[in-house]
C-alpha cells in the first residue's frame, strides 16, 4: 500500500503542476485568434511544453497504477492533486486561500489516510 501511495503522490503532483503550468501558459498566450500566426507563436510558449511533460508523466503513472492496483483504492487517491494544486496556487501563484479551503484540504488528507489504512 505504501508503494501505491508513493506512486499516487507523484502522479497527483504531476497533475497539479501540469494545471499550474497550463495557467501560466494561458497567461502568457495573449488574445486568442484563429490565425496561423497565433498558433505559431504558441510554439515558443515553453509553459505548454511543461504542461505536456507533466500531464504525460501523470498519464503514464496512472496507466501503471490502474494496471496493478484496485480502482476502488487507486482512484480516490487522485484527490491528492487537489491538495498539491491548492498549495501550488498559494506558493507559486500567490493566490489568497481562505481558511475554509485549508479545512477542505485537511479533510482530503484525512480521507486519503482512511483509504490507505
PDB file of N, CA and C in Angstrom:
ATOM      1  N   UNK A   1       0.820  -1.197   0.000  1.00  0.00           N
ATOM      2  CA  UNK A   1       0.000   0.000   0.000  1.00  0.00           C
ATOM      3  C   UNK A   1       0.867   1.266   0.000  1.00  0.00           C
ATOM      4  N   UNK A   2       2.041   1.173   0.613  1.00  0.00           N
ATOM      5  CA  UNK A   2       2.941   2.330   0.634  1.00  0.00           C
ATOM      6  C   UNK A   2       3.411   2.643  -0.781  1.00  0.00           C
ATOM      7  N   UNK A   3       3.660   1.619  -1.577  1.00  0.00           N
ATOM      8  CA  UNK A   3       4.093   1.834  -2.964  1.00  0.00           C
ATOM      9  C   UNK A   3       3.001   2.562  -3.753  1.00  0.00           C
ATOM     10  N   UNK A   4       1.749   2.142  -3.571  1.00  0.00           N
ATOM     11  CA  UNK A   4       0.633   2.812  -4.244  1.00  0.00           C
ATOM     12  C   UNK A   4       0.538   4.264  -3.794  1.00  0.00           C
ATOM     13  N   UNK A   5       0.701   4.514  -2.511  1.00  0.00           N
ATOM     14  CA  UNK A   5       0.641   5.890  -2.011  1.00  0.00           C
ATOM     15  C   UNK A   5       1.752   6.733  -2.631  1.00  0.00           C
ATOM     16  N   UNK A   6       2.961   6.197  -2.694  1.00  0.00           N
ATOM     17  CA  UNK A   6       4.076   6.929  -3.286  1.00  0.00           C
ATOM     18  C   UNK A   6       3.819   7.226  -4.762  1.00  0.00           C
ATOM     19  N   UNK A   7       3.363   6.234  -5.502  1.00  0.00           N
ATOM     20  CA  UNK A   7       3.040   6.446  -6.919  1.00  0.00           C
ATOM     21  C   UNK A   7       1.922   7.469  -7.085  1.00  0.00           C
ATOM     22  N   UNK A   8       0.916   7.400  -6.229  1.00  0.00           N
ATOM     23  CA  UNK A   8      -0.201   8.343  -6.296  1.00  0.00           C
ATOM     24  C   UNK A   8       0.243   9.759  -5.949  1.00  0.00           C
ATOM     25  N   UNK A   9       1.156   9.884  -5.003  1.00  0.00           N
ATOM     26  CA  UNK A   9       1.689  11.201  -4.667  1.00  0.00           C
ATOM     27  C   UNK A   9       2.404  11.820  -5.868  1.00  0.00           C
ATOM     28  N   UNK A  10       3.231  11.026  -6.531  1.00  0.00           N
ATOM     29  CA  UNK A  10       3.962  11.522  -7.699  1.00  0.00           C
ATOM     30  C   UNK A  10       2.991  11.859  -8.825  1.00  0.00           C
ATOM     31  N   UNK A  11       2.034  10.982  -9.069  1.00  0.00           N
ATOM     32  CA  UNK A  11       1.054  11.199 -10.135  1.00  0.00           C
ATOM     33  C   UNK A  11       0.219  12.447  -9.859  1.00  0.00           C
ATOM     34  N   UNK A  12      -0.207  12.629  -8.624  1.00  0.00           N
ATOM     35  CA  UNK A  12      -1.002  13.801  -8.258  1.00  0.00           C
ATOM     36  C   UNK A  12      -0.179  15.080  -8.340  1.00  0.00           C
ATOM     37  N   UNK A  13       1.078  14.990  -7.964  1.00  0.00           N
ATOM     38  CA  UNK A  13       1.984  16.126  -8.078  1.00  0.00           C
ATOM     39  C   UNK A  13       2.108  16.551  -9.538  1.00  0.00           C
ATOM     40  N   UNK A  14       2.286  15.570 -10.426  1.00  0.00           N
ATOM     41  CA  UNK A  14       2.378  15.867 -11.860  1.00  0.00           C
ATOM     42  C   UNK A  14       1.090  16.500 -12.384  1.00  0.00           C
ATOM     43  N   UNK A  15      -0.054  15.984 -11.961  1.00  0.00           N
ATOM     44  CA  UNK A  15      -1.342  16.556 -12.377  1.00  0.00           C
ATOM     45  C   UNK A  15      -1.488  18.003 -11.926  1.00  0.00           C
ATOM     46  N   UNK A  16      -1.193  18.249 -10.664  1.00  0.00           N
ATOM     47  CA  UNK A  16      -1.365  19.594 -10.111  1.00  0.00           C
ATOM     48  C   UNK A  16      -0.419  20.591 -10.778  1.00  0.00           C
ATOM     49  N   UNK A  17       0.833  20.194 -10.951  1.00  0.00           N
ATOM     50  CA  UNK A  17       1.769  21.118 -11.569  1.00  0.00           C
ATOM     51  C   UNK A  17       1.496  21.283 -13.053  1.00  0.00           C
ATOM     52  N   UNK A  18       0.935  20.253 -13.694  1.00  0.00           N
ATOM     53  CA  UNK A  18       0.504  20.407 -15.082  1.00  0.00           C
ATOM     54  C   UNK A  18      -0.565  21.487 -15.202  1.00  0.00           C
ATOM     55  N   UNK A  19      -1.486  21.513 -14.252  1.00  0.00           N
ATOM     56  CA  UNK A  19      -2.522  22.548 -14.255  1.00  0.00           C
ATOM     57  C   UNK A  19      -1.940  23.931 -13.961  1.00  0.00           C
ATOM     58  N   UNK A  20      -0.969  23.973 -13.046  1.00  0.00           N
ATOM     59  CA  UNK A  20      -0.339  25.256 -12.754  1.00  0.00           C
ATOM     60  C   UNK A  20       0.419  25.771 -13.980  1.00  0.00           C
ATOM     61  N   UNK A  21       1.135  24.876 -14.651  1.00  0.00           N
ATOM     62  CA  UNK A  21       1.850  25.277 -15.864  1.00  0.00           C
ATOM     63  C   UNK A  21       0.872  25.727 -16.950  1.00  0.00           C
ATOM     64  N   UNK A  22      -0.290  25.077 -17.025  1.00  0.00           N
ATOM     65  CA  UNK A  22      -1.307  25.484 -18.001  1.00  0.00           C
ATOM     66  C   UNK A  22      -1.807  26.895 -17.694  1.00  0.00           C
ATOM     67  N   UNK A  23      -2.011  27.190 -16.431  1.00  0.00           N
ATOM     68  CA  UNK A  23      -2.434  28.547 -16.042  1.00  0.00           C
ATOM     69  C   UNK A  23      -1.382  29.572 -16.476  1.00  0.00           C
ATOM     70  N   UNK A  24      -0.104  29.261 -16.265  1.00  0.00           N
ATOM     71  CA  UNK A  24       0.972  30.162 -16.665  1.00  0.00           C
ATOM     72  C   UNK A  24       1.073  30.285 -18.185  1.00  0.00           C
ATOM     73  N   UNK A  25       0.872  29.181 -18.887  1.00  0.00           N
ATOM     74  CA  UNK A  25       0.910  29.213 -20.355  1.00  0.00           C
ATOM     75  C   UNK A  25      -0.210  30.080 -20.906  1.00  0.00           C
ATOM     76  N   UNK A  26      -1.388  29.948 -20.350  1.00  0.00           N
ATOM     77  CA  UNK A  26      -2.531  30.734 -20.820  1.00  0.00           C
ATOM     78  C   UNK A  26      -2.366  32.210 -20.489  1.00  0.00           C
ATOM     79  N   UNK A  27      -1.724  32.506 -19.367  1.00  0.00           N
ATOM     80  CA  UNK A  27      -1.475  33.913 -19.011  1.00  0.00           C
ATOM     81  C   UNK A  27      -0.502  34.552 -20.001  1.00  0.00           C
ATOM     82  N   UNK A  28       0.429  33.776 -20.498  1.00  0.00           N
ATOM     83  CA  UNK A  28       1.415  34.290 -21.454  1.00  0.00           C
ATOM     84  C   UNK A  28       0.867  34.324 -22.884  1.00  0.00           C
ATOM     85  N   UNK A  29      -0.199  33.605 -23.146  1.00  0.00           N
ATOM     86  CA  UNK A  29      -0.696  33.391 -24.504  1.00  0.00           C
ATOM     87  C   UNK A  29      -1.150  34.668 -25.198  1.00  0.00           C
ATOM     88  N   UNK A  30      -1.806  35.559 -24.552  1.00  0.00           N
ATOM     89  CA  UNK A  30      -2.343  36.727 -25.244  1.00  0.00           C
ATOM     90  C   UNK A  30      -3.725  36.447 -25.802  1.00  0.00           C
ATOM     91  N   UNK A  31      -4.223  37.361 -26.597  1.00  0.00           N
ATOM     92  CA  UNK A  31      -5.583  37.256 -27.148  1.00  0.00           C
ATOM     93  C   UNK A  31      -5.656  36.142 -28.182  1.00  0.00           C
ATOM     94  N   UNK A  32      -6.691  35.311 -28.044  1.00  0.00           N
ATOM     95  CA  UNK A  32      -6.881  34.182 -28.951  1.00  0.00           C
ATOM     96  C   UNK A  32      -7.423  34.645 -30.297  1.00  0.00           C
ATOM     97  N   UNK A  33      -6.826  34.130 -31.361  1.00  0.00           N
ATOM     98  CA  UNK A  33      -7.347  34.335 -32.719  1.00  0.00           C
ATOM     99  C   UNK A  33      -7.188  33.035 -33.492  1.00  0.00           C
ATOM    100  N   UNK A  34      -8.007  32.869 -34.506  1.00  0.00           N
ATOM    101  CA  UNK A  34      -7.915  31.684 -35.356  1.00  0.00           C
ATOM    102  C   UNK A  34      -6.966  31.963 -36.519  1.00  0.00           C
ATOM    103  N   UNK A  35      -5.744  32.315 -36.205  1.00  0.00           N
ATOM    104  CA  UNK A  35      -4.779  32.605 -37.270  1.00  0.00           C
ATOM    105  C   UNK A  35      -3.578  31.671 -37.130  1.00  0.00           C
ATOM    106  N   UNK A  36      -2.931  31.452 -38.259  1.00  0.00           N
ATOM    107  CA  UNK A  36      -1.736  30.613 -38.266  1.00  0.00           C
ATOM    108  C   UNK A  36      -0.659  31.249 -37.397  1.00  0.00           C
ATOM    109  N   UNK A  37      -0.535  32.558 -37.473  1.00  0.00           N
ATOM    110  CA  UNK A  37       0.480  33.253 -36.685  1.00  0.00           C
ATOM    111  C   UNK A  37       0.267  33.043 -35.183  1.00  0.00           C
ATOM    112  N   UNK A  38      -0.993  33.096 -34.759  1.00  0.00           N
ATOM    113  CA  UNK A  38      -1.277  32.876 -33.340  1.00  0.00           C
ATOM    114  C   UNK A  38      -0.769  31.508 -32.896  1.00  0.00           C
ATOM    115  N   UNK A  39      -1.082  30.474 -33.679  1.00  0.00           N
ATOM    116  CA  UNK A  39      -0.671  29.121 -33.306  1.00  0.00           C
ATOM    117  C   UNK A  39       0.839  28.937 -33.407  1.00  0.00           C
ATOM    118  N   UNK A  40       1.473  29.572 -34.346  1.00  0.00           N
ATOM    119  CA  UNK A  40       2.934  29.513 -34.437  1.00  0.00           C
ATOM    120  C   UNK A  40       3.590  30.185 -33.237  1.00  0.00           C
ATOM    121  N   UNK A  41       3.004  31.281 -32.776  1.00  0.00           N
ATOM    122  CA  UNK A  41       3.533  31.959 -31.594  1.00  0.00           C
ATOM    123  C   UNK A  41       3.451  31.069 -30.359  1.00  0.00           C
ATOM    124  N   UNK A  42       2.450  30.211 -30.297  1.00  0.00           N
ATOM    125  CA  UNK A  42       2.294  29.335 -29.135  1.00  0.00           C
ATOM    126  C   UNK A  42       3.379  28.268 -29.077  1.00  0.00           C
ATOM    127  N   UNK A  43       4.033  28.005 -30.212  1.00  0.00           N
ATOM    128  CA  UNK A  43       5.114  27.030 -30.224  1.00  0.00           C
ATOM    129  C   UNK A  43       6.321  27.505 -29.420  1.00  0.00           C
ATOM    130  N   UNK A  44       6.420  28.789 -29.165  1.00  0.00           N
ATOM    131  CA  UNK A  44       7.517  29.314 -28.352  1.00  0.00           C
ATOM    132  C   UNK A  44       7.087  29.588 -26.913  1.00  0.00           C
ATOM    133  N   UNK A  45       5.872  29.223 -26.569  1.00  0.00           N
ATOM    134  CA  UNK A  45       5.400  29.354 -25.196  1.00  0.00           C
ATOM    135  C   UNK A  45       5.809  28.066 -24.468  1.00  0.00           C
ATOM    136  N   UNK A  46       6.944  28.109 -23.817  1.00  0.00           N
ATOM    137  CA  UNK A  46       7.537  26.909 -23.230  1.00  0.00           C
ATOM    138  C   UNK A  46       6.743  26.362 -22.055  1.00  0.00           C
ATOM    139  N   UNK A  47       5.832  27.160 -21.527  1.00  0.00           N
ATOM    140  CA  UNK A  47       4.978  26.629 -20.465  1.00  0.00           C
ATOM    141  C   UNK A  47       4.137  25.470 -20.985  1.00  0.00           C
ATOM    142  N   UNK A  48       3.744  25.536 -22.269  1.00  0.00           N
ATOM    143  CA  UNK A  48       2.965  24.436 -22.858  1.00  0.00           C
ATOM    144  C   UNK A  48       3.779  23.144 -22.899  1.00  0.00           C
ATOM    145  N   UNK A  49       5.078  23.242 -23.106  1.00  0.00           N
ATOM    146  CA  UNK A  49       5.939  22.058 -23.079  1.00  0.00           C
ATOM    147  C   UNK A  49       5.922  21.430 -21.685  1.00  0.00           C
ATOM    148  N   UNK A  50       5.999  22.262 -20.661  1.00  0.00           N
ATOM    149  CA  UNK A  50       5.947  21.751 -19.290  1.00  0.00           C
ATOM    150  C   UNK A  50       4.592  21.118 -18.972  1.00  0.00           C
ATOM    151  N   UNK A  51       3.530  21.684 -19.554  1.00  0.00           N
ATOM    152  CA  UNK A  51       2.199  21.079 -19.398  1.00  0.00           C
ATOM    153  C   UNK A  51       2.213  19.665 -19.966  1.00  0.00           C
ATOM    154  N   UNK A  52       2.732  19.528 -21.171  1.00  0.00           N
ATOM    155  CA  UNK A  52       2.771  18.218 -21.824  1.00  0.00           C
ATOM    156  C   UNK A  52       3.605  17.205 -21.056  1.00  0.00           C
ATOM    157  N   UNK A  53       4.755  17.636 -20.556  1.00  0.00           N
ATOM    158  CA  UNK A  53       5.618  16.730 -19.792  1.00  0.00           C
ATOM    159  C   UNK A  53       4.930  16.299 -18.501  1.00  0.00           C
ATOM    160  N   UNK A  54       4.354  17.260 -17.792  1.00  0.00           N
ATOM    161  CA  UNK A  54       3.685  16.949 -16.520  1.00  0.00           C
ATOM    162  C   UNK A  54       2.481  16.042 -16.719  1.00  0.00           C
ATOM    163  N   UNK A  55       1.631  16.413 -17.665  1.00  0.00           N
ATOM    164  CA  UNK A  55       0.416  15.619 -17.898  1.00  0.00           C
ATOM    165  C   UNK A  55       0.742  14.251 -18.507  1.00  0.00           C
ATOM    166  N   UNK A  56       1.738  14.230 -19.376  1.00  0.00           N
ATOM    167  CA  UNK A  56       2.160  12.949 -19.954  1.00  0.00           C
ATOM    168  C   UNK A  56       2.699  12.015 -18.880  1.00  0.00           C
ATOM    169  N   UNK A  57       3.526  12.559 -17.982  1.00  0.00           N
ATOM    170  CA  UNK A  57       4.048  11.746 -16.879  1.00  0.00           C
ATOM    171  C   UNK A  57       2.937  11.252 -15.972  1.00  0.00           C
ATOM    172  N   UNK A  58       1.980  12.123 -15.675  1.00  0.00           N
ATOM    173  CA  UNK A  58       0.850  11.731 -14.830  1.00  0.00           C
ATOM    174  C   UNK A  58       0.036  10.621 -15.498  1.00  0.00           C
ATOM    175  N   UNK A  59      -0.150  10.732 -16.795  1.00  0.00           N
ATOM    176  CA  UNK A  59      -0.923   9.716 -17.516  1.00  0.00           C
ATOM    177  C   UNK A  59      -0.214   8.367 -17.506  1.00  0.00           C
ATOM    178  N   UNK A  60       1.093   8.370 -17.753  1.00  0.00           N
ATOM    179  CA  UNK A  60       1.845   7.106 -17.738  1.00  0.00           C
ATOM    180  C   UNK A  60       1.814   6.457 -16.356  1.00  0.00           C
ATOM    181  N   UNK A  61       1.961   7.265 -15.322  1.00  0.00           N
ATOM    182  CA  UNK A  61       1.862   6.719 -13.966  1.00  0.00           C
ATOM    183  C   UNK A  61       0.465   6.172 -13.687  1.00  0.00           C
ATOM    184  N   UNK A  62      -0.543   6.884 -14.157  1.00  0.00           N
ATOM    185  CA  UNK A  62      -1.924   6.440 -13.943  1.00  0.00           C
ATOM    186  C   UNK A  62      -2.176   5.102 -14.633  1.00  0.00           C
ATOM    187  N   UNK A  63      -1.642   4.929 -15.837  1.00  0.00           N
ATOM    188  CA  UNK A  63      -1.795   3.651 -16.533  1.00  0.00           C
ATOM    189  C   UNK A  63      -1.166   2.520 -15.726  1.00  0.00           C
ATOM    190  N   UNK A  64       0.027   2.776 -15.186  1.00  0.00           N
ATOM    191  CA  UNK A  64       0.697   1.762 -14.363  1.00  0.00           C
ATOM    192  C   UNK A  64      -0.121   1.460 -13.104  1.00  0.00           C
ATOM    193  N   UNK A  65      -0.603   2.509 -12.444  1.00  0.00           N
ATOM    194  CA  UNK A  65      -1.384   2.329 -11.224  1.00  0.00           C
ATOM    195  C   UNK A  65      -2.651   1.524 -11.508  1.00  0.00           C
ATOM    196  N   UNK A  66      -3.369   1.898 -12.578  1.00  0.00           N
ATOM    197  CA  UNK A  66      -4.616   1.182 -12.914  1.00  0.00           C
ATOM    198  C   UNK A  66      -4.382  -0.289 -13.226  1.00  0.00           C
ATOM    199  N   UNK A  67      -3.274  -0.566 -13.881  1.00  0.00           N
ATOM    200  CA  UNK A  67      -2.980  -1.959 -14.246  1.00  0.00           C
ATOM    201  C   UNK A  67      -2.654  -2.810 -13.020  1.00  0.00           C
ATOM    202  N   UNK A  68      -2.058  -2.212 -11.995  1.00  0.00           N
ATOM    203  CA  UNK A  68      -1.517  -3.001 -10.900  1.00  0.00           C
ATOM    204  C   UNK A  68      -2.245  -2.879  -9.561  1.00  0.00           C
ATOM    205  N   UNK A  69      -3.203  -1.978  -9.452  1.00  0.00           N
ATOM    206  CA  UNK A  69      -3.884  -1.782  -8.168  1.00  0.00           C
ATOM    207  C   UNK A  69      -5.393  -1.701  -8.380  1.00  0.00           C
ATOM    208  N   UNK A  70      -6.165  -2.017  -7.345  1.00  0.00           N
ATOM    209  CA  UNK A  70      -7.629  -1.936  -7.469  1.00  0.00           C
ATOM    210  C   UNK A  70      -8.089  -0.482  -7.693  1.00  0.00           C
ATOM    211  N   UNK A  71      -9.011  -0.310  -8.606  1.00  0.00           N
ATOM    212  CA  UNK A  71      -9.551   1.016  -8.907  1.00  0.00           C
ATOM    213  C   UNK A  71     -10.198   1.646  -7.676  1.00  0.00           C
ATOM    214  N   UNK A  72     -10.838   0.833  -6.857  1.00  0.00           N
ATOM    215  CA  UNK A  72     -11.535   1.357  -5.680  1.00  0.00           C
ATOM    216  C   UNK A  72     -10.588   1.983  -4.657  1.00  0.00           C
ATOM    217  N   UNK A  73      -9.318   1.637  -4.734  1.00  0.00           N
ATOM    218  CA  UNK A  73      -8.322   2.244  -3.856  1.00  0.00           C
ATOM    219  C   UNK A  73      -7.557   3.338  -4.599  1.00  0.00           C
ATOM    220  N   UNK A  74      -7.186   3.060  -5.833  1.00  0.00           N
ATOM    221  CA  UNK A  74      -6.337   3.982  -6.595  1.00  0.00           C
ATOM    222  C   UNK A  74      -7.050   5.280  -6.962  1.00  0.00           C
ATOM    223  N   UNK A  75      -8.289   5.178  -7.416  1.00  0.00           N
ATOM    224  CA  UNK A  75      -8.970   6.375  -7.913  1.00  0.00           C
ATOM    225  C   UNK A  75      -9.190   7.442  -6.835  1.00  0.00           C
ATOM    226  N   UNK A  76      -9.626   7.074  -5.636  1.00  0.00           N
ATOM    227  CA  UNK A  76      -9.781   8.114  -4.609  1.00  0.00           C
ATOM    228  C   UNK A  76      -8.469   8.826  -4.264  1.00  0.00           C
ATOM    229  N   UNK A  77      -7.335   8.170  -4.480  1.00  0.00           N
ATOM    230  CA  UNK A  77      -6.051   8.797  -4.162  1.00  0.00           C
ATOM    231  C   UNK A  77      -5.687   9.913  -5.139  1.00  0.00           C
ATOM    232  N   UNK A  78      -6.370   9.973  -6.278  1.00  0.00           N
ATOM    233  CA  UNK A  78      -6.094  11.064  -7.218  1.00  0.00           C
ATOM    234  C   UNK A  78      -6.522  12.409  -6.642  1.00  0.00           C
ATOM    235  N   UNK A  79      -7.325  12.387  -5.590  1.00  0.00           N
ATOM    236  CA  UNK A  79      -7.745  13.645  -4.962  1.00  0.00           C
ATOM    237  C   UNK A  79      -6.567  14.386  -4.343  1.00  0.00           C
ATOM    238  N   UNK A  80      -5.436  13.719  -4.213  1.00  0.00           N
ATOM    239  CA  UNK A  80      -4.239  14.396  -3.707  1.00  0.00           C
ATOM    240  C   UNK A  80      -3.815  15.530  -4.629  1.00  0.00           C
ATOM    241  N   UNK A  81      -4.210  15.454  -5.897  1.00  0.00           N
ATOM    242  CA  UNK A  81      -3.868  16.544  -6.818  1.00  0.00           C
ATOM    243  C   UNK A  81      -4.541  17.851  -6.393  1.00  0.00           C
ATOM    244  N   UNK A  82      -5.692  17.769  -5.744  1.00  0.00           N
ATOM    245  CA  UNK A  82      -6.344  18.984  -5.239  1.00  0.00           C
ATOM    246  C   UNK A  82      -5.499  19.627  -4.138  1.00  0.00           C
ATOM    247  N   UNK A  83      -4.915  18.794  -3.297  1.00  0.00           N
ATOM    248  CA  UNK A  83      -4.053  19.297  -2.228  1.00  0.00           C
ATOM    249  C   UNK A  83      -2.841  19.998  -2.830  1.00  0.00           C
ATOM    250  N   UNK A  84      -2.170  19.317  -3.754  1.00  0.00           N
ATOM    251  CA  UNK A  84      -0.983  19.900  -4.386  1.00  0.00           C
ATOM    252  C   UNK A  84      -1.334  21.151  -5.186  1.00  0.00           C
ATOM    253  N   UNK A  85      -2.492  21.136  -5.843  1.00  0.00           N
ATOM    254  CA  UNK A  85      -2.918  22.301  -6.617  1.00  0.00           C
ATOM    255  C   UNK A  85      -3.148  23.517  -5.743  1.00  0.00           C
ATOM    256  N   UNK A  86      -3.776  23.309  -4.603  1.00  0.00           N
ATOM    257  CA  UNK A  86      -4.030  24.426  -3.691  1.00  0.00           C
ATOM    258  C   UNK A  86      -2.722  24.975  -3.130  1.00  0.00           C
ATOM    259  N   UNK A  87      -1.823  24.086  -2.740  1.00  0.00           N
ATOM    260  CA  UNK A  87      -0.527  24.530  -2.200  1.00  0.00           C
ATOM    261  C   UNK A  87       0.281  25.248  -3.276  1.00  0.00           C
ATOM    262  N   UNK A  88       0.264  24.732  -4.500  1.00  0.00           N
ATOM    263  CA  UNK A  88       0.991  25.383  -5.599  1.00  0.00           C
ATOM    264  C   UNK A  88       0.416  26.762  -5.897  1.00  0.00           C
ATOM    265  N   UNK A  89      -0.911  26.878  -5.885  1.00  0.00           N
ATOM    266  CA  UNK A  89      -1.541  28.184  -6.122  1.00  0.00           C
ATOM    267  C   UNK A  89      -1.136  29.183  -5.045  1.00  0.00           C
ATOM    268  N   UNK A  90      -1.032  28.709  -3.834  1.00  0.00           N
ATOM    269  CA  UNK A  90      -0.642  29.579  -2.719  1.00  0.00           C
ATOM    270  C   UNK A  90       0.837  29.976  -2.814  1.00  0.00           C
ATOM    271  N   UNK A  91       1.708  28.992  -3.028  1.00  0.00           N
ATOM    272  CA  UNK A  91       3.151  29.254  -3.005  1.00  0.00           C
ATOM    273  C   UNK A  91       3.681  29.929  -4.262  1.00  0.00           C
ATOM    274  N   UNK A  92       3.220  29.478  -5.425  1.00  0.00           N
ATOM    275  CA  UNK A  92       3.822  29.940  -6.672  1.00  0.00           C
ATOM    276  C   UNK A  92       3.019  31.007  -7.403  1.00  0.00           C
ATOM    277  N   UNK A  93       1.695  30.947  -7.271  1.00  0.00           N
ATOM    278  CA  UNK A  93       0.852  31.936  -7.947  1.00  0.00           C
ATOM    279  C   UNK A  93       0.398  33.036  -6.992  1.00  0.00           C
ATOM    280  N   UNK A  94       0.744  32.882  -5.713  1.00  0.00           N
ATOM    281  CA  UNK A  94       0.439  33.874  -4.673  1.00  0.00           C
ATOM    282  C   UNK A  94      -1.055  34.177  -4.573  1.00  0.00           C
ATOM    283  N   UNK A  95      -1.855  33.116  -4.721  1.00  0.00           N
ATOM    284  CA  UNK A  95      -3.297  33.269  -4.577  1.00  0.00           C
ATOM    285  C   UNK A  95      -3.665  33.256  -3.096  1.00  0.00           C
ATOM    286  N   UNK A  96      -4.711  33.990  -2.777  1.00  0.00           N
ATOM    287  CA  UNK A  96      -5.218  34.021  -1.412  1.00  0.00           C
ATOM    288  C   UNK A  96      -6.120  32.803  -1.195  1.00  0.00           C
ATOM    289  N   UNK A  97      -5.856  32.059  -0.134  1.00  0.00           N
ATOM    290  CA  UNK A  97      -6.628  30.846   0.143  1.00  0.00           C
ATOM    291  C   UNK A  97      -7.377  31.052   1.466  1.00  0.00           C
ATOM    292  N   UNK A  98      -8.707  31.058   1.418  1.00  0.00           N
ATOM    293  CA  UNK A  98      -9.471  31.241   2.660  1.00  0.00           C
ATOM    294  C   UNK A  98      -9.363  30.005   3.566  1.00  0.00           C
ATOM    295  N   UNK A  99      -9.585  30.192   4.854  1.00  0.00           N
ATOM    296  CA  UNK A  99      -9.486  29.068   5.808  1.00  0.00           C
ATOM    297  C   UNK A  99     -10.380  27.878   5.449  1.00  0.00           C
ATOM    298  N   UNK A 100     -11.531  28.121   4.862  1.00  0.00           N
ATOM    299  CA  UNK A 100     -12.432  27.011   4.530  1.00  0.00           C
ATOM    300  C   UNK A 100     -11.793  26.050   3.527  1.00  0.00           C
ATOM    301  N   UNK A 101     -10.983  26.573   2.612  1.00  0.00           N
ATOM    302  CA  UNK A 101     -10.299  25.683   1.656  1.00  0.00           C
ATOM    303  C   UNK A 101      -9.208  24.872   2.336  1.00  0.00           C
ATOM    304  N   UNK A 102      -8.512  25.493   3.303  1.00  0.00           N
ATOM    305  CA  UNK A 102      -7.499  24.739   4.042  1.00  0.00           C
ATOM    306  C   UNK A 102      -8.160  23.614   4.836  1.00  0.00           C
ATOM    307  N   UNK A 103      -9.347  23.876   5.362  1.00  0.00           N
ATOM    308  CA  UNK A 103     -10.088  22.836   6.076  1.00  0.00           C
ATOM    309  C   UNK A 103     -10.470  21.723   5.107  1.00  0.00           C
ATOM    310  N   UNK A 104     -10.883  22.095   3.901  1.00  0.00           N
ATOM    311  CA  UNK A 104     -11.207  21.097   2.888  1.00  0.00           C
ATOM    312  C   UNK A 104     -10.015  20.226   2.538  1.00  0.00           C
ATOM    313  N   UNK A 105      -8.837  20.838   2.429  1.00  0.00           N
ATOM    314  CA  UNK A 105      -7.614  20.088   2.136  1.00  0.00           C
ATOM    315  C   UNK A 105      -7.293  19.130   3.282  1.00  0.00           C
ATOM    316  N   UNK A 106      -7.514  19.574   4.496  1.00  0.00           N
ATOM    317  CA  UNK A 106      -7.308  18.707   5.653  1.00  0.00           C
ATOM    318  C   UNK A 106      -8.257  17.508   5.605  1.00  0.00           C
ATOM    319  N   UNK A 107      -9.487  17.750   5.200  1.00  0.00           N
ATOM    320  CA  UNK A 107     -10.461  16.654   5.064  1.00  0.00           C
ATOM    321  C   UNK A 107     -10.022  15.661   3.987  1.00  0.00           C
ATOM    322  N   UNK A 108      -9.492  16.175   2.887  1.00  0.00           N
ATOM    323  CA  UNK A 108      -8.999  15.294   1.821  1.00  0.00           C
ATOM    324  C   UNK A 108      -7.849  14.442   2.345  1.00  0.00           C
ATOM    325  N   UNK A 109      -6.911  15.062   3.052  1.00  0.00           N
ATOM    326  CA  UNK A 109      -5.773  14.321   3.601  1.00  0.00           C
ATOM    327  C   UNK A 109      -6.245  13.250   4.579  1.00  0.00           C
ATOM    328  N   UNK A 110      -7.242  13.579   5.376  1.00  0.00           N
ATOM    329  CA  UNK A 110      -7.801  12.608   6.310  1.00  0.00           C
ATOM    330  C   UNK A 110      -8.466  11.456   5.556  1.00  0.00           C
ATOM    331  N   UNK A 111      -9.177  11.782   4.490  1.00  0.00           N
ATOM    332  CA  UNK A 111      -9.796  10.738   3.666  1.00  0.00           C
ATOM    333  C   UNK A 111      -8.762   9.811   3.042  1.00  0.00           C
ATOM    334  N   UNK A 112      -7.658  10.366   2.566  1.00  0.00           N
ATOM    335  CA  UNK A 112      -6.580   9.547   1.998  1.00  0.00           C
ATOM    336  C   UNK A 112      -6.018   8.619   3.067  1.00  0.00           C
ATOM    337  N   UNK A 113      -5.869   9.133   4.277  1.00  0.00           N
ATOM    338  CA  UNK A 113      -5.374   8.304   5.376  1.00  0.00           C
ATOM    339  C   UNK A 113      -6.276   7.084   5.577  1.00  0.00           C
ATOM    340  N   UNK A 114      -7.595   7.292   5.569  1.00  0.00           N
ATOM    341  CA  UNK A 114      -8.519   6.186   5.790  1.00  0.00           C
ATOM    342  C   UNK A 114      -8.535   5.211   4.609  1.00  0.00           C
ATOM    343  N   UNK A 115      -8.294   5.711   3.411  1.00  0.00           N
ATOM    344  CA  UNK A 115      -8.284   4.844   2.228  1.00  0.00           C
ATOM    345  C   UNK A 115      -7.085   3.907   2.259  1.00  0.00           C
ATOM    346  N   UNK A 116      -5.927   4.424   2.631  1.00  0.00           N
ATOM    347  CA  UNK A 116      -4.723   3.594   2.585  1.00  0.00           C
ATOM    348  C   UNK A 116      -4.513   2.758   3.845  1.00  0.00           C
ATOM    349  N   UNK A 117      -5.274   3.041   4.886  1.00  0.00           N
ATOM    350  CA  UNK A 117      -5.115   2.303   6.138  1.00  0.00           C
ATOM    351  C   UNK A 117      -5.625   0.899   6.024  1.00  0.00           C
TER     352      UNK A 117
END
